[in-house]
Amino acid sequence: MEYQKATEMNGVCNGKIVNEFQCRNGFSELSIEAKKAALQCNHEKSRKESEDESKLPALEAAYTTILQGLGENTDRQGLLRTPLRAAKAMQFLTKGYHETIYDILNDAIFDEDHDEMVIVKDIDMFSLCEHHLVPFFGKRLTKQIAQAISEALQPAGVAVVIEAAHMCMVMRGVQKMNSRTVTSAMLGVFREDPKTREEFLALTKNS
């Protein structure tokens, strides 16, 4: 259930939206071509919403089957609408499959005369483990996030470090409540220059 690269998600919406900015009076304005691409993206979103609605009955039936297979009475009051709610929840939790990095950024990209390191810390994130469909906080998203940032901003380098709590290890399996997994991804100057990488790791650890 991981975030996928924009180029894998929606070919129509990828285009060159970031490269289609024109600077006028110090502000960035979308060109006509980029605006057309944005309108096409909105159309694709509407189509996706319609597809989600059409798939709900099948998902609802699947959750009903699962609950019945677990020995539950799906006609009792507490479970009457649970399959439908679960189906809608799963569609929401996996909506990232149908989003691009440009959908997330929403054109909030600005030119800055800055060539020093910028660090943003303590960003909450979550997804679903593809092995058990239970929540996790981190893991394989690390590289995909780094690649997405690099694709959208074209910086000299990108470094991402994620400390993850995996519910498949906490709620089941080894059942280790305090276990954490730390992963990192380094691109560009952070991968090529050991001093830059060391500076980044020191700042993220101590600040």
Protein backbone atom coordinates (compact mmCIF):
# COMPACT_ATOMS: atom_id res chain seq x y z
CA MET A 1 0.00 0.00 0.00
CA GLU A 2 3.00 2.28 -0.42
CA TYR A 3 3.11 5.68 -2.09
CA GLN A 4 4.14 5.19 -5.69
CA LYS A 5 6.09 7.53 -7.96
CA ALA A 6 4.08 10.05 -9.89
CA THR A 7 5.19 8.58 -13.19
CA GLU A 8 3.65 5.27 -12.21
CA MET A 9 0.38 6.65 -11.00
CA ASN A 10 -1.31 8.81 -13.61
CA GLY A 11 0.30 9.50 -16.94
CA VAL A 12 -2.26 12.15 -17.86
CA CYS A 13 -1.58 14.25 -14.77
CA ASN A 14 2.22 13.95 -14.77
CA GLY A 15 3.10 16.24 -17.68
CA LYS A 16 5.43 19.12 -16.95
CA ILE A 17 3.39 21.03 -14.43
CA VAL A 18 6.40 22.07 -12.34
CA ASN A 19 8.32 23.16 -15.44
CA GLU A 20 5.38 25.11 -16.81
CA PHE A 21 5.62 28.00 -14.36
CA GLN A 22 6.18 31.47 -15.81
CA CYS A 23 7.45 34.26 -13.55
CA ARG A 24 5.54 37.52 -13.80
CA ASN A 25 5.93 40.41 -11.37
CA GLY A 26 7.84 38.17 -8.98
CA PHE A 27 5.07 35.58 -8.72
CA SER A 28 4.74 32.16 -10.33
CA GLU A 29 1.79 31.73 -12.65
CA LEU A 30 0.69 28.54 -14.35
CA SER A 31 0.89 28.62 -18.13
CA ILE A 32 -2.15 27.78 -20.23
CA GLU A 33 -0.78 24.31 -20.90
CA ALA A 34 -0.29 23.63 -17.19
CA LYS A 35 -3.82 24.89 -16.44
CA LYS A 36 -5.16 22.47 -19.02
CA ALA A 37 -3.21 19.70 -17.32
CA ALA A 38 -4.69 20.72 -13.96
CA LEU A 39 -8.21 20.59 -15.43
CA GLN A 40 -7.44 17.15 -16.84
CA CYS A 41 -6.30 16.04 -13.38
CA ASN A 42 -9.60 17.23 -11.90
CA HIS A 43 -11.44 15.25 -14.54
CA GLU A 44 -9.40 12.17 -13.68
CA LYS A 45 -10.21 12.65 -9.98
CA SER A 46 -13.94 12.83 -10.75
CA ARG A 47 -13.67 9.68 -12.82
CA LYS A 48 -11.80 7.95 -9.98
CA GLU A 49 -14.53 8.92 -7.51
CA SER A 50 -17.15 7.41 -9.81
CA GLU A 51 -15.09 4.24 -10.11
CA ASP A 52 -14.82 4.02 -6.33
CA GLU A 53 -18.59 4.27 -5.99
CA SER A 54 -19.11 1.51 -8.56
CA LYS A 55 -16.66 -0.79 -6.75
CA LEU A 56 -18.16 -0.34 -3.28
CA PRO A 57 -20.76 -3.17 -3.55
CA ALA A 58 -18.09 -5.74 -4.40
CA LEU A 59 -15.81 -4.55 -1.58
CA GLU A 60 -18.72 -4.51 0.87
CA ALA A 61 -19.62 -8.08 -0.10
CA ALA A 62 -15.99 -9.15 0.36
CA TYR A 63 -15.87 -7.73 3.90
CA THR A 64 -19.18 -9.44 4.68
CA THR A 65 -17.64 -12.74 3.59
CA ILE A 66 -14.55 -12.14 5.73
CA LEU A 67 -16.60 -11.37 8.84
CA GLN A 68 -18.79 -14.41 8.30
CA GLY A 69 -15.67 -16.53 7.78
CA LEU A 70 -14.46 -15.35 11.20
CA GLY A 71 -17.69 -16.61 12.74
CA GLU A 72 -19.42 -13.25 13.11
CA ASN A 73 -23.14 -12.65 12.63
CA THR A 74 -23.20 -9.80 10.11
CA ASP A 75 -26.93 -9.26 10.74
CA ARG A 76 -26.43 -8.13 14.32
CA GLN A 77 -26.84 -4.42 14.98
CA GLY A 78 -23.18 -3.61 15.61
CA LEU A 79 -22.08 -5.08 12.26
CA LEU A 80 -24.94 -4.11 9.97
CA ARG A 81 -23.00 -1.35 8.22
CA THR A 82 -19.47 -2.48 9.10
CA PRO A 83 -18.71 -4.05 5.67
CA LEU A 84 -19.68 -0.79 3.92
CA ARG A 85 -17.69 1.33 6.37
CA ALA A 86 -14.68 -0.96 6.01
CA ALA A 87 -14.91 -0.79 2.21
CA LYS A 88 -14.97 3.02 2.25
CA ALA A 89 -12.10 3.10 4.76
CA MET A 90 -9.94 0.87 2.57
CA GLN A 91 -10.60 3.06 -0.45
CA PHE A 92 -9.52 6.10 1.58
CA LEU A 93 -6.41 4.42 2.98
CA THR A 94 -5.26 3.37 -0.50
CA LYS A 95 -6.13 6.59 -2.35
CA GLY A 96 -2.43 7.36 -2.67
CA TYR A 97 -2.30 4.85 -5.53
CA HIS A 98 -4.29 7.36 -7.59
CA GLU A 99 -2.50 10.56 -6.53
CA THR A 100 0.60 12.18 -7.98
CA ILE A 101 3.20 14.30 -6.25
CA TYR A 102 1.63 17.30 -8.00
CA ASP A 103 -1.74 16.54 -6.42
CA ILE A 104 -0.07 16.64 -3.01
CA LEU A 105 1.97 19.81 -3.61
CA ASN A 106 -1.04 21.64 -5.13
CA ASP A 107 1.28 24.02 -7.06
CA ALA A 108 2.92 25.21 -3.82
CA ILE A 109 6.42 25.38 -5.35
CA PHE A 110 8.32 28.67 -5.21
CA ASP A 111 11.76 29.80 -6.39
CA GLU A 112 14.16 30.62 -3.54
CA ASP A 113 17.73 31.89 -3.70
CA HIS A 114 18.93 29.39 -1.12
CA ASP A 115 21.69 26.82 -1.44
CA GLU A 116 21.99 25.64 2.15
CA MET A 117 20.50 22.58 3.80
CA VAL A 118 16.81 22.67 4.76
CA ILE A 119 15.55 20.13 7.29
CA VAL A 120 11.91 19.42 8.14
CA LYS A 121 11.48 17.03 11.07
CA ASP A 122 8.83 15.12 12.98
CA ILE A 123 6.38 14.70 10.10
CA ASP A 124 3.70 12.15 10.94
CA MET A 125 2.87 9.61 8.24
CA PHE A 126 1.23 6.21 7.97
CA SER A 127 0.27 3.53 5.50
CA LEU A 128 -0.74 -0.13 5.36
CA CYS A 129 1.62 -3.09 5.44
CA GLU A 130 1.33 -4.96 2.14
CA HIS A 131 1.93 -8.26 3.93
CA HIS A 132 -0.89 -8.12 6.49
CA LEU A 133 -2.88 -4.94 5.64
CA VAL A 134 -2.29 -3.53 9.12
CA PRO A 135 -0.98 0.00 9.80
CA PHE A 136 2.68 0.91 9.81
CA PHE A 137 4.51 4.18 10.24
CA GLY A 138 7.47 4.31 7.86
CA LYS A 139 9.48 1.55 6.16
CA ARG A 140 9.48 1.33 2.34
CA LEU A 141 7.95 4.76 1.99
CA THR A 142 11.40 6.19 2.74
CA LYS A 143 12.87 5.78 -0.75
CA GLN A 144 9.61 6.65 -2.49
CA ILE A 145 9.28 9.91 -0.54
CA ALA A 146 12.88 10.85 -1.38
CA GLN A 147 12.33 10.14 -5.07
CA ALA A 148 9.09 12.13 -5.12
CA ILE A 149 10.72 15.19 -3.52
CA SER A 150 13.67 14.95 -5.92
CA GLU A 151 11.34 14.69 -8.92
CA ALA A 152 9.20 17.67 -7.89
CA LEU A 153 11.88 20.10 -6.67
CA GLN A 154 15.03 19.01 -8.55
CA PRO A 155 17.28 19.87 -5.56
CA ALA A 156 21.01 19.21 -5.24
CA GLY A 157 20.15 16.33 -2.93
CA VAL A 158 17.45 14.74 -0.81
CA ALA A 159 17.80 12.82 2.44
CA VAL A 160 14.94 11.08 4.22
CA VAL A 161 15.12 9.25 7.55
CA ILE A 162 12.05 7.49 8.97
CA GLU A 163 11.64 5.88 12.36
CA ALA A 164 8.82 3.38 11.93
CA ALA A 165 6.47 1.51 14.21
CA HIS A 166 5.07 -1.57 12.51
CA MET A 167 1.79 -2.88 13.81
CA CYS A 168 2.47 -6.27 12.21
CA MET A 169 5.29 -6.58 14.76
CA VAL A 170 3.40 -4.94 17.64
CA MET A 171 -0.12 -6.38 17.31
CA ARG A 172 0.88 -9.80 15.96
CA GLY A 173 3.99 -11.84 15.15
CA VAL A 174 6.77 -11.12 17.64
CA GLN A 175 4.46 -8.71 19.55
CA LYS A 176 7.23 -6.33 20.62
CA MET A 177 5.44 -3.19 21.79
CA ASN A 178 8.42 -0.81 21.69
CA SER A 179 10.12 -2.03 18.53
CA ARG A 180 11.10 0.60 15.97
CA THR A 181 12.59 0.36 12.49
CA VAL A 182 14.81 3.17 11.18
CA THR A 183 15.38 3.49 7.43
CA SER A 184 17.10 6.14 5.34
CA ALA A 185 17.36 7.15 1.69
CA MET A 186 20.06 9.47 0.32
CA LEU A 187 20.01 11.02 -3.14
CA GLY A 188 22.33 13.45 -4.91
CA VAL A 189 24.84 15.32 -2.76
CA PHE A 190 23.75 13.49 0.40
CA ARG A 191 24.73 10.20 -1.23
CA GLU A 192 27.86 11.45 -2.96
CA ASP A 193 29.39 13.73 -0.29
CA PRO A 194 30.14 12.05 3.07
CA LYS A 195 30.55 15.42 4.86
CA THR A 196 27.13 16.64 3.75
CA ARG A 197 25.60 13.33 4.79
CA GLU A 198 27.29 13.50 8.20
CA GLU A 199 26.07 17.08 8.72
CA PHE A 200 22.50 16.04 7.93
CA LEU A 201 22.57 13.02 10.24
CA ALA A 202 24.09 15.07 13.07
CA LEU A 203 21.44 17.80 12.73
CA THR A 204 18.55 15.34 12.64
CA LYS A 205 19.89 13.49 15.64
CA ASN A 206 20.72 16.42 17.89
CA SER A 207 18.11 19.06 17.05
